[in-house]
All heavy atoms as atom14 arrays in JSON, in Angstrom:
{
  "sequence": "LKSAGMNGASALVDLSNFYMIDSGKPTHLYDAKKIKGDFRIRFAANGE",
  "atom14_mask": [
    [1, 1, 1, 1, 1, 1, 1, 1, 0, 0, 0, 0, 0, 0],
    [1, 1, 1, 1, 1, 1, 1, 1, 1, 0, 0, 0, 0, 0],
    [1, 1, 1, 1, 1, 1, 0, 0, 0, 0, 0, 0, 0, 0],
    [1, 1, 1, 1, 1, 0, 0, 0, 0, 0, 0, 0, 0, 0],
    [1, 1, 1, 1, 0, 0, 0, 0, 0, 0, 0, 0, 0, 0],
    [1, 1, 1, 1, 1, 1, 1, 1, 0, 0, 0, 0, 0, 0],
    [1, 1, 1, 1, 1, 1, 1, 1, 0, 0, 0, 0, 0, 0],
    [1, 1, 1, 1, 0, 0, 0, 0, 0, 0, 0, 0, 0, 0],
    [1, 1, 1, 1, 1, 0, 0, 0, 0, 0, 0, 0, 0, 0],
    [1, 1, 1, 1, 1, 1, 0, 0, 0, 0, 0, 0, 0, 0],
    [1, 1, 1, 1, 1, 0, 0, 0, 0, 0, 0, 0, 0, 0],
    [1, 1, 1, 1, 1, 1, 1, 1, 0, 0, 0, 0, 0, 0],
    [1, 1, 1, 1, 1, 1, 1, 0, 0, 0, 0, 0, 0, 0],
    [1, 1, 1, 1, 1, 1, 1, 1, 0, 0, 0, 0, 0, 0],
    [1, 1, 1, 1, 1, 1, 1, 1, 0, 0, 0, 0, 0, 0],
    [1, 1, 1, 1, 1, 1, 0, 0, 0, 0, 0, 0, 0, 0],
    [1, 1, 1, 1, 1, 1, 1, 1, 0, 0, 0, 0, 0, 0],
    [1, 1, 1, 1, 1, 1, 1, 1, 1, 1, 1, 0, 0, 0],
    [1, 1, 1, 1, 1, 1, 1, 1, 1, 1, 1, 1, 0, 0],
    [1, 1, 1, 1, 1, 1, 1, 1, 0, 0, 0, 0, 0, 0],
    [1, 1, 1, 1, 1, 1, 1, 1, 0, 0, 0, 0, 0, 0],
    [1, 1, 1, 1, 1, 1, 1, 1, 0, 0, 0, 0, 0, 0],
    [1, 1, 1, 1, 1, 1, 0, 0, 0, 0, 0, 0, 0, 0],
    [1, 1, 1, 1, 0, 0, 0, 0, 0, 0, 0, 0, 0, 0],
    [1, 1, 1, 1, 1, 1, 1, 1, 1, 0, 0, 0, 0, 0],
    [1, 1, 1, 1, 1, 1, 1, 0, 0, 0, 0, 0, 0, 0],
    [1, 1, 1, 1, 1, 1, 1, 0, 0, 0, 0, 0, 0, 0],
    [1, 1, 1, 1, 1, 1, 1, 1, 1, 1, 0, 0, 0, 0],
    [1, 1, 1, 1, 1, 1, 1, 1, 0, 0, 0, 0, 0, 0],
    [1, 1, 1, 1, 1, 1, 1, 1, 1, 1, 1, 1, 0, 0],
    [1, 1, 1, 1, 1, 1, 1, 1, 0, 0, 0, 0, 0, 0],
    [1, 1, 1, 1, 1, 0, 0, 0, 0, 0, 0, 0, 0, 0],
    [1, 1, 1, 1, 1, 1, 1, 1, 1, 0, 0, 0, 0, 0],
    [1, 1, 1, 1, 1, 1, 1, 1, 1, 0, 0, 0, 0, 0],
    [1, 1, 1, 1, 1, 1, 1, 1, 0, 0, 0, 0, 0, 0],
    [1, 1, 1, 1, 1, 1, 1, 1, 1, 0, 0, 0, 0, 0],
    [1, 1, 1, 1, 0, 0, 0, 0, 0, 0, 0, 0, 0, 0],
    [1, 1, 1, 1, 1, 1, 1, 1, 0, 0, 0, 0, 0, 0],
    [1, 1, 1, 1, 1, 1, 1, 1, 1, 1, 1, 0, 0, 0],
    [1, 1, 1, 1, 1, 1, 1, 1, 1, 1, 1, 0, 0, 0],
    [1, 1, 1, 1, 1, 1, 1, 1, 0, 0, 0, 0, 0, 0],
    [1, 1, 1, 1, 1, 1, 1, 1, 1, 1, 1, 0, 0, 0],
    [1, 1, 1, 1, 1, 1, 1, 1, 1, 1, 1, 0, 0, 0],
    [1, 1, 1, 1, 1, 0, 0, 0, 0, 0, 0, 0, 0, 0],
    [1, 1, 1, 1, 1, 0, 0, 0, 0, 0, 0, 0, 0, 0],
    [1, 1, 1, 1, 1, 1, 1, 1, 0, 0, 0, 0, 0, 0],
    [1, 1, 1, 1, 0, 0, 0, 0, 0, 0, 0, 0, 0, 0],
    [1, 1, 1, 1, 1, 1, 1, 1, 1, 0, 0, 0, 0, 0]
  ],
  "atom14_positions": [
    [[-0.94, -7.06, 16.76], [-2.15, -7.87, 16.71], [-2.43, -8.53, 18.06], [-3.59, -8.68, 18.45], [-2.04, -8.92, 15.61], [-2.06, -8.38, 14.18], [-1.99, -9.52, 13.19], [-3.29, -7.53, 13.93], [0.0, 0.0, 0.0], [0.0, 0.0, 0.0], [0.0, 0.0, 0.0], [0.0, 0.0, 0.0], [0.0, 0.0, 0.0], [0.0, 0.0, 0.0]],
    [[-1.37, -8.92, 18.76], [-1.57, -9.49, 20.09], [-2.24, -8.48, 21.01], [-3.14, -8.82, 21.78], [-0.22, -9.92, 20.67], [-0.31, -10.5, 22.08], [1.07, -10.81, 22.64], [0.99, -11.27, 24.09], [2.35, -11.5, 24.66], [0.0, 0.0, 0.0], [0.0, 0.0, 0.0], [0.0, 0.0, 0.0], [0.0, 0.0, 0.0], [0.0, 0.0, 0.0]],
    [[-1.83, -7.23, 20.91], [-2.43, -6.18, 21.74], [-3.9, -5.97, 21.4], [-4.68, -5.5, 22.23], [-1.66, -4.86, 21.57], [-1.96, -4.25, 20.33], [0.0, 0.0, 0.0], [0.0, 0.0, 0.0], [0.0, 0.0, 0.0], [0.0, 0.0, 0.0], [0.0, 0.0, 0.0], [0.0, 0.0, 0.0], [0.0, 0.0, 0.0], [0.0, 0.0, 0.0]],
    [[-4.27, -6.31, 20.16], [-5.66, -6.17, 19.72], [-6.48, -7.43, 19.97], [-7.64, -7.51, 19.58], [-5.7, -5.81, 18.24], [0.0, 0.0, 0.0], [0.0, 0.0, 0.0], [0.0, 0.0, 0.0], [0.0, 0.0, 0.0], [0.0, 0.0, 0.0], [0.0, 0.0, 0.0], [0.0, 0.0, 0.0], [0.0, 0.0, 0.0], [0.0, 0.0, 0.0]],
    [[-5.84, -8.44, 20.59], [-6.54, -9.67, 20.9], [-6.64, -10.63, 19.74], [-7.5, -11.52, 19.74], [0.0, 0.0, 0.0], [0.0, 0.0, 0.0], [0.0, 0.0, 0.0], [0.0, 0.0, 0.0], [0.0, 0.0, 0.0], [0.0, 0.0, 0.0], [0.0, 0.0, 0.0], [0.0, 0.0, 0.0], [0.0, 0.0, 0.0], [0.0, 0.0, 0.0]],
    [[-5.77, -10.48, 18.75], [-5.81, -11.34, 17.57], [-4.6, -12.27, 17.53], [-3.49, -11.87, 17.88], [-5.8, -10.5, 16.29], [-7.13, -9.9, 15.92], [-7.05, -9.18, 14.26], [-8.79, -8.89, 13.96], [0.0, 0.0, 0.0], [0.0, 0.0, 0.0], [0.0, 0.0, 0.0], [0.0, 0.0, 0.0], [0.0, 0.0, 0.0], [0.0, 0.0, 0.0]],
    [[-4.83, -13.49, 17.08], [-3.74, -14.43, 16.85], [-3.22, -14.26, 15.44], [-3.98, -14.05, 14.5], [-4.23, -15.87, 17.05], [-4.65, -16.15, 18.48], [-3.99, -15.7, 19.42], [-5.73, -16.89, 18.65], [0.0, 0.0, 0.0], [0.0, 0.0, 0.0], [0.0, 0.0, 0.0], [0.0, 0.0, 0.0], [0.0, 0.0, 0.0], [0.0, 0.0, 0.0]],
    [[-1.91, -14.35, 15.28], [-1.31, -14.23, 13.96], [-1.59, -15.44, 13.09], [-1.79, -16.55, 13.59], [0.0, 0.0, 0.0], [0.0, 0.0, 0.0], [0.0, 0.0, 0.0], [0.0, 0.0, 0.0], [0.0, 0.0, 0.0], [0.0, 0.0, 0.0], [0.0, 0.0, 0.0], [0.0, 0.0, 0.0], [0.0, 0.0, 0.0], [0.0, 0.0, 0.0]],
    [[-1.63, -15.24, 11.79], [-1.84, -16.34, 10.84], [-0.67, -16.41, 9.86], [0.12, -17.34, 9.88], [-3.16, -16.13, 10.09], [0.0, 0.0, 0.0], [0.0, 0.0, 0.0], [0.0, 0.0, 0.0], [0.0, 0.0, 0.0], [0.0, 0.0, 0.0], [0.0, 0.0, 0.0], [0.0, 0.0, 0.0], [0.0, 0.0, 0.0], [0.0, 0.0, 0.0]],
    [[-0.54, -15.42, 9.02], [0.57, -15.3, 8.09], [0.74, -13.82, 7.8], [-0.13, -13.01, 8.13], [0.29, -16.07, 6.79], [-0.78, -15.46, 6.08], [0.0, 0.0, 0.0], [0.0, 0.0, 0.0], [0.0, 0.0, 0.0], [0.0, 0.0, 0.0], [0.0, 0.0, 0.0], [0.0, 0.0, 0.0], [0.0, 0.0, 0.0], [0.0, 0.0, 0.0]],
    [[1.83, -13.46, 7.18], [2.13, -12.04, 6.97], [1.02, -11.33, 6.2], [0.59, -10.24, 6.58], [3.46, -11.9, 6.24], [0.0, 0.0, 0.0], [0.0, 0.0, 0.0], [0.0, 0.0, 0.0], [0.0, 0.0, 0.0], [0.0, 0.0, 0.0], [0.0, 0.0, 0.0], [0.0, 0.0, 0.0], [0.0, 0.0, 0.0], [0.0, 0.0, 0.0]],
    [[0.52, -11.94, 5.13], [-0.51, -11.3, 4.32], [-1.8, -11.09, 5.1], [-2.38, -10.0, 5.11], [-0.79, -12.11, 3.06], [0.3, -12.09, 1.98], [-0.03, -13.09, 0.88], [0.45, -10.69, 1.4], [0.0, 0.0, 0.0], [0.0, 0.0, 0.0], [0.0, 0.0, 0.0], [0.0, 0.0, 0.0], [0.0, 0.0, 0.0], [0.0, 0.0, 0.0]],
    [[-2.26, -12.14, 5.74], [-3.5, -12.05, 6.52], [-3.33, -11.08, 7.67], [-4.21, -10.26, 7.97], [-3.91, -13.44, 7.03], [-5.13, -13.34, 7.95], [-4.21, -14.37, 5.86], [0.0, 0.0, 0.0], [0.0, 0.0, 0.0], [0.0, 0.0, 0.0], [0.0, 0.0, 0.0], [0.0, 0.0, 0.0], [0.0, 0.0, 0.0], [0.0, 0.0, 0.0]],
    [[-2.19, -11.14, 8.34], [-1.94, -10.27, 9.48], [-1.88, -8.79, 9.06], [-2.37, -7.91, 9.77], [-0.65, -10.66, 10.18], [-0.76, -12.0, 10.9], [-1.87, -12.55, 10.94], [0.28, -12.5, 11.38], [0.0, 0.0, 0.0], [0.0, 0.0, 0.0], [0.0, 0.0, 0.0], [0.0, 0.0, 0.0], [0.0, 0.0, 0.0], [0.0, 0.0, 0.0]],
    [[-1.29, -8.52, 7.91], [-1.22, -7.14, 7.44], [-2.61, -6.6, 7.11], [-2.92, -5.44, 7.39], [-0.33, -7.04, 6.2], [1.17, -7.17, 6.47], [1.94, -7.37, 5.17], [1.71, -5.95, 7.22], [0.0, 0.0, 0.0], [0.0, 0.0, 0.0], [0.0, 0.0, 0.0], [0.0, 0.0, 0.0], [0.0, 0.0, 0.0], [0.0, 0.0, 0.0]],
    [[-3.45, -7.44, 6.53], [-4.82, -7.03, 6.24], [-5.58, -6.74, 7.53], [-6.31, -5.74, 7.63], [-5.53, -8.12, 5.43], [-6.86, -7.74, 5.14], [0.0, 0.0, 0.0], [0.0, 0.0, 0.0], [0.0, 0.0, 0.0], [0.0, 0.0, 0.0], [0.0, 0.0, 0.0], [0.0, 0.0, 0.0], [0.0, 0.0, 0.0], [0.0, 0.0, 0.0]],
    [[-5.42, -7.58, 8.54], [-6.08, -7.36, 9.83], [-5.52, -6.12, 10.53], [-6.27, -5.34, 11.13], [-5.89, -8.58, 10.73], [-6.79, -9.74, 10.33], [-7.87, -9.54, 9.77], [-6.36, -10.96, 10.61], [0.0, 0.0, 0.0], [0.0, 0.0, 0.0], [0.0, 0.0, 0.0], [0.0, 0.0, 0.0], [0.0, 0.0, 0.0], [0.0, 0.0, 0.0]],
    [[-4.21, -5.94, 10.46], [-3.59, -4.76, 11.05], [-4.16, -3.5, 10.43], [-4.52, -2.54, 11.13], [-2.07, -4.8, 10.85], [-1.37, -3.53, 11.25], [-1.0, -3.31, 12.57], [-1.09, -2.55, 10.31], [-0.37, -2.13, 12.94], [-0.45, -1.36, 10.67], [-0.09, -1.17, 11.99], [0.0, 0.0, 0.0], [0.0, 0.0, 0.0], [0.0, 0.0, 0.0]],
    [[-4.26, -3.49, 9.11], [-4.77, -2.29, 8.43], [-6.23, -2.02, 8.81], [-6.62, -0.86, 8.95], [-4.62, -2.42, 6.92], [-5.09, -1.17, 6.21], [-4.39, 0.02, 6.36], [-6.27, -1.16, 5.47], [-4.84, 1.19, 5.77], [-6.72, -0.01, 4.88], [-6.0, 1.17, 5.03], [-6.47, 2.33, 4.46], [0.0, 0.0, 0.0], [0.0, 0.0, 0.0]],
    [[-7.02, -3.06, 8.95], [-8.42, -2.89, 9.33], [-8.53, -2.22, 10.7], [-9.33, -1.29, 10.89], [-9.12, -4.24, 9.36], [-10.56, -4.19, 9.84], [-11.33, -5.82, 9.9], [-10.31, -6.62, 11.17], [0.0, 0.0, 0.0], [0.0, 0.0, 0.0], [0.0, 0.0, 0.0], [0.0, 0.0, 0.0], [0.0, 0.0, 0.0], [0.0, 0.0, 0.0]],
    [[-7.75, -2.67, 11.67], [-7.79, -2.09, 13.01], [-7.18, -0.69, 13.01], [-7.67, 0.22, 13.66], [-7.05, -2.99, 14.02], [-7.73, -4.36, 14.08], [-7.01, -2.35, 15.4], [-6.92, -5.4, 14.81], [0.0, 0.0, 0.0], [0.0, 0.0, 0.0], [0.0, 0.0, 0.0], [0.0, 0.0, 0.0], [0.0, 0.0, 0.0], [0.0, 0.0, 0.0]],
    [[-6.15, -0.5, 12.24], [-5.44, 0.77, 12.17], [-6.32, 1.86, 11.57], [-6.4, 2.97, 12.09], [-4.18, 0.6, 11.33], [-3.29, 1.83, 11.34], [-2.66, 2.09, 12.39], [-3.23, 2.54, 10.32], [0.0, 0.0, 0.0], [0.0, 0.0, 0.0], [0.0, 0.0, 0.0], [0.0, 0.0, 0.0], [0.0, 0.0, 0.0], [0.0, 0.0, 0.0]],
    [[-7.01, 1.54, 10.47], [-7.74, 2.55, 9.71], [-9.26, 2.42, 9.8], [-9.98, 3.35, 9.44], [-7.35, 2.46, 8.23], [-7.86, 1.25, 7.67], [0.0, 0.0, 0.0], [0.0, 0.0, 0.0], [0.0, 0.0, 0.0], [0.0, 0.0, 0.0], [0.0, 0.0, 0.0], [0.0, 0.0, 0.0], [0.0, 0.0, 0.0], [0.0, 0.0, 0.0]],
    [[-9.75, 1.26, 10.25], [-11.18, 1.01, 10.26], [-11.72, 0.5, 8.94], [-12.92, 0.29, 8.79], [0.0, 0.0, 0.0], [0.0, 0.0, 0.0], [0.0, 0.0, 0.0], [0.0, 0.0, 0.0], [0.0, 0.0, 0.0], [0.0, 0.0, 0.0], [0.0, 0.0, 0.0], [0.0, 0.0, 0.0], [0.0, 0.0, 0.0], [0.0, 0.0, 0.0]],
    [[-10.83, 0.25, 7.97], [-11.24, -0.16, 6.64], [-10.99, -1.66, 6.42], [-9.85, -2.08, 6.3], [-10.47, 0.64, 5.59], [-10.69, 0.19, 4.16], [-12.13, 0.35, 3.72], [-12.3, -0.03, 2.26], [-13.71, 0.04, 1.86], [0.0, 0.0, 0.0], [0.0, 0.0, 0.0], [0.0, 0.0, 0.0], [0.0, 0.0, 0.0], [0.0, 0.0, 0.0]],
    [[-12.05, -2.48, 6.34], [-11.85, -3.89, 6.0], [-11.5, -4.05, 4.52], [-12.02, -3.33, 3.66], [-13.21, -4.53, 6.3], [-13.96, -3.52, 7.11], [-13.44, -2.19, 6.67], [0.0, 0.0, 0.0], [0.0, 0.0, 0.0], [0.0, 0.0, 0.0], [0.0, 0.0, 0.0], [0.0, 0.0, 0.0], [0.0, 0.0, 0.0], [0.0, 0.0, 0.0]],
    [[-10.61, -4.97, 4.24], [-10.28, -5.34, 2.86], [-10.32, -6.86, 2.79], [-10.45, -7.54, 3.82], [-8.89, -4.84, 2.47], [-7.92, -5.36, 3.41], [-8.81, -3.31, 2.47], [0.0, 0.0, 0.0], [0.0, 0.0, 0.0], [0.0, 0.0, 0.0], [0.0, 0.0, 0.0], [0.0, 0.0, 0.0], [0.0, 0.0, 0.0], [0.0, 0.0, 0.0]],
    [[-10.21, -7.39, 1.59], [-10.18, -8.85, 1.47], [-9.1, -9.26, 0.48], [-8.93, -8.64, -0.57], [-11.52, -9.4, 1.02], [-11.62, -10.89, 1.15], [-11.68, -11.51, 2.38], [-11.6, -11.87, 0.22], [-11.71, -12.82, 2.19], [-11.66, -13.07, 0.9], [0.0, 0.0, 0.0], [0.0, 0.0, 0.0], [0.0, 0.0, 0.0], [0.0, 0.0, 0.0]],
    [[-8.36, -10.32, 0.84], [-7.3, -10.83, -0.01], [-7.7, -12.2, -0.56], [-8.18, -13.06, 0.16], [-6.0, -11.0, 0.8], [-5.47, -9.78, 1.57], [-4.13, -10.11, 2.2], [-5.34, -8.57, 0.67], [0.0, 0.0, 0.0], [0.0, 0.0, 0.0], [0.0, 0.0, 0.0], [0.0, 0.0, 0.0], [0.0, 0.0, 0.0], [0.0, 0.0, 0.0]],
    [[-7.5, -12.37, -1.85], [-7.73, -13.64, -2.53], [-6.39, -14.15, -3.08], [-5.59, -13.35, -3.57], [-8.68, -13.48, -3.71], [-10.02, -12.86, -3.42], [-10.16, -11.47, -3.3], [-11.16, -13.64, -3.29], [-11.4, -10.89, -3.07], [-12.41, -13.07, -3.06], [-12.52, -11.69, -2.95], [-13.74, -11.12, -2.72], [0.0, 0.0, 0.0], [0.0, 0.0, 0.0]],
    [[-6.18, -15.44, -3.01], [-5.04, -16.03, -3.7], [-5.38, -16.04, -5.19], [-6.24, -16.8, -5.64], [-4.79, -17.46, -3.2], [-3.51, -18.06, -3.77], [-3.23, -17.85, -4.96], [-2.8, -18.76, -3.03], [0.0, 0.0, 0.0], [0.0, 0.0, 0.0], [0.0, 0.0, 0.0], [0.0, 0.0, 0.0], [0.0, 0.0, 0.0], [0.0, 0.0, 0.0]],
    [[-4.73, -15.17, -5.95], [-5.12, -14.97, -7.35], [-4.97, -16.23, -8.19], [-5.73, -16.45, -9.14], [-4.29, -13.83, -7.95], [0.0, 0.0, 0.0], [0.0, 0.0, 0.0], [0.0, 0.0, 0.0], [0.0, 0.0, 0.0], [0.0, 0.0, 0.0], [0.0, 0.0, 0.0], [0.0, 0.0, 0.0], [0.0, 0.0, 0.0], [0.0, 0.0, 0.0]],
    [[-4.01, -17.08, -7.86], [-3.79, -18.29, -8.66], [-4.85, -19.35, -8.42], [-4.92, -20.33, -9.18], [-2.39, -18.85, -8.38], [-1.27, -17.97, -8.94], [0.08, -18.64, -8.8], [1.17, -17.81, -9.48], [2.51, -18.44, -9.37], [0.0, 0.0, 0.0], [0.0, 0.0, 0.0], [0.0, 0.0, 0.0], [0.0, 0.0, 0.0], [0.0, 0.0, 0.0]],
    [[-5.67, -19.18, -7.37], [-6.72, -20.15, -7.09], [-8.04, -19.79, -7.78], [-9.01, -20.53, -7.69], [-6.94, -20.26, -5.58], [-5.75, -20.84, -4.82], [-6.03, -20.88, -3.32], [-4.83, -21.42, -2.55], [-5.06, -21.42, -1.08], [0.0, 0.0, 0.0], [0.0, 0.0, 0.0], [0.0, 0.0, 0.0], [0.0, 0.0, 0.0], [0.0, 0.0, 0.0]],
    [[-8.08, -18.65, -8.44], [-9.29, -18.24, -9.16], [-9.43, -19.07, -10.43], [-8.52, -19.11, -11.26], [-9.25, -16.74, -9.51], [-9.18, -15.9, -8.23], [-10.46, -16.34, -10.34], [-8.96, -14.43, -8.47], [0.0, 0.0, 0.0], [0.0, 0.0, 0.0], [0.0, 0.0, 0.0], [0.0, 0.0, 0.0], [0.0, 0.0, 0.0], [0.0, 0.0, 0.0]],
    [[-10.56, -19.72, -10.59], [-10.8, -20.57, -11.75], [-11.64, -19.81, -12.78], [-12.84, -19.58, -12.59], [-11.54, -21.85, -11.33], [-10.88, -22.63, -10.2], [-9.49, -23.12, -10.59], [-8.88, -23.94, -9.44], [-7.5, -24.38, -9.74], [0.0, 0.0, 0.0], [0.0, 0.0, 0.0], [0.0, 0.0, 0.0], [0.0, 0.0, 0.0], [0.0, 0.0, 0.0]],
    [[-11.01, -19.39, -13.86], [-11.73, -18.65, -14.89], [-11.9, -17.18, -14.51], [-11.01, -16.57, -13.91], [0.0, 0.0, 0.0], [0.0, 0.0, 0.0], [0.0, 0.0, 0.0], [0.0, 0.0, 0.0], [0.0, 0.0, 0.0], [0.0, 0.0, 0.0], [0.0, 0.0, 0.0], [0.0, 0.0, 0.0], [0.0, 0.0, 0.0], [0.0, 0.0, 0.0]],
    [[-13.06, -16.61, -14.84], [-13.31, -15.2, -14.57], [-13.71, -14.97, -13.12], [-14.25, -15.85, -12.45], [-14.43, -14.68, -15.48], [-14.0, -14.62, -16.95], [-12.78, -14.47, -17.19], [-14.87, -14.74, -17.83], [0.0, 0.0, 0.0], [0.0, 0.0, 0.0], [0.0, 0.0, 0.0], [0.0, 0.0, 0.0], [0.0, 0.0, 0.0], [0.0, 0.0, 0.0]],
    [[-13.47, -13.75, -12.66], [-13.87, -13.33, -11.31], [-15.18, -12.56, -11.47], [-15.25, -11.58, -12.21], [-12.79, -12.44, -10.7], [-13.02, -12.04, -9.28], [-12.5, -12.77, -8.24], [-13.78, -10.9, -8.98], [-12.72, -12.4, -6.91], [-13.99, -10.51, -7.66], [-13.45, -11.26, -6.62], [0.0, 0.0, 0.0], [0.0, 0.0, 0.0], [0.0, 0.0, 0.0]],
    [[-16.23, -12.99, -10.77], [-17.55, -12.4, -10.95], [-18.08, -11.81, -9.64], [-17.98, -12.43, -8.59], [-18.54, -13.44, -11.46], [-18.2, -14.0, -12.83], [-19.25, -15.01, -13.28], [-18.96, -15.48, -14.64], [-18.17, -16.51, -14.92], [-17.61, -17.18, -13.93], [-17.96, -16.85, -16.17], [0.0, 0.0, 0.0], [0.0, 0.0, 0.0], [0.0, 0.0, 0.0]],
    [[-18.69, -10.64, -9.76], [-19.45, -10.05, -8.66], [-20.91, -10.2, -9.04], [-21.37, -9.66, -10.04], [-19.09, -8.57, -8.47], [-17.61, -8.41, -8.13], [-19.94, -7.95, -7.37], [-17.13, -6.98, -8.14], [0.0, 0.0, 0.0], [0.0, 0.0, 0.0], [0.0, 0.0, 0.0], [0.0, 0.0, 0.0], [0.0, 0.0, 0.0], [0.0, 0.0, 0.0]],
    [[-21.63, -10.97, -8.25], [-23.03, -11.26, -8.6], [-23.83, -11.59, -7.35], [-23.27, -11.81, -6.26], [-23.09, -12.44, -9.57], [-22.53, -13.76, -9.01], [-22.79, -14.9, -9.99], [-22.17, -16.16, -9.57], [-22.7, -17.03, -8.7], [-23.87, -16.75, -8.11], [-22.07, -18.16, -8.41], [0.0, 0.0, 0.0], [0.0, 0.0, 0.0], [0.0, 0.0, 0.0]],
    [[-25.14, -11.63, -7.53], [-26.0, -12.1, -6.45], [-26.05, -13.62, -6.5], [-26.02, -14.23, -7.58], [-27.4, -11.49, -6.56], [-27.45, -10.05, -6.15], [-27.38, -9.04, -7.09], [-27.54, -9.71, -4.81], [-27.41, -7.71, -6.71], [-27.57, -8.37, -4.42], [-27.5, -7.37, -5.37], [0.0, 0.0, 0.0], [0.0, 0.0, 0.0], [0.0, 0.0, 0.0]],
    [[-26.11, -14.23, -5.34], [-26.13, -15.68, -5.25], [-27.43, -16.25, -5.82], [-28.45, -15.57, -5.89], [-25.98, -16.11, -3.79], [0.0, 0.0, 0.0], [0.0, 0.0, 0.0], [0.0, 0.0, 0.0], [0.0, 0.0, 0.0], [0.0, 0.0, 0.0], [0.0, 0.0, 0.0], [0.0, 0.0, 0.0], [0.0, 0.0, 0.0], [0.0, 0.0, 0.0]],
    [[-27.36, -17.5, -6.21], [-28.57, -18.23, -6.6], [-29.19, -18.82, -5.34], [-28.48, -19.21, -4.41], [-28.21, -19.34, -7.59], [0.0, 0.0, 0.0], [0.0, 0.0, 0.0], [0.0, 0.0, 0.0], [0.0, 0.0, 0.0], [0.0, 0.0, 0.0], [0.0, 0.0, 0.0], [0.0, 0.0, 0.0], [0.0, 0.0, 0.0], [0.0, 0.0, 0.0]],
    [[-30.49, -18.88, -5.29], [-31.15, -19.47, -4.12], [-30.67, -20.9, -3.91], [-30.68, -21.72, -4.84], [-32.67, -19.46, -4.32], [-33.29, -18.13, -3.92], [-32.87, -17.52, -2.94], [-34.28, -17.69, -4.67], [0.0, 0.0, 0.0], [0.0, 0.0, 0.0], [0.0, 0.0, 0.0], [0.0, 0.0, 0.0], [0.0, 0.0, 0.0], [0.0, 0.0, 0.0]],
    [[-30.23, -21.19, -2.69], [-29.78, -22.53, -2.37], [-28.32, -22.79, -2.67], [-27.79, -23.86, -2.35], [0.0, 0.0, 0.0], [0.0, 0.0, 0.0], [0.0, 0.0, 0.0], [0.0, 0.0, 0.0], [0.0, 0.0, 0.0], [0.0, 0.0, 0.0], [0.0, 0.0, 0.0], [0.0, 0.0, 0.0], [0.0, 0.0, 0.0], [0.0, 0.0, 0.0]],
    [[-27.63, -21.82, -3.27], [-26.19, -21.98, -3.56], [-25.43, -22.12, -2.25], [-25.76, -21.48, -1.24], [-25.7, -20.78, -4.35], [-24.34, -20.97, -5.0], [-24.03, -19.85, -6.0], [-24.78, -18.85, -6.06], [-23.03, -19.99, -6.72], [0.0, 0.0, 0.0], [0.0, 0.0, 0.0], [0.0, 0.0, 0.0], [0.0, 0.0, 0.0], [0.0, 0.0, 0.0]]
  ]
}
């Protein structure tokens, strides 16, 4: 990551960034225990 001009954060975040640069594929990690209730994919409400 240093060679790519990135500062390290933690193993999970760094692995996600490494994979993005390695393969060109962005991914996203969520702390699953911080999810309150259901996980929804939706369009935002105006002003949200």
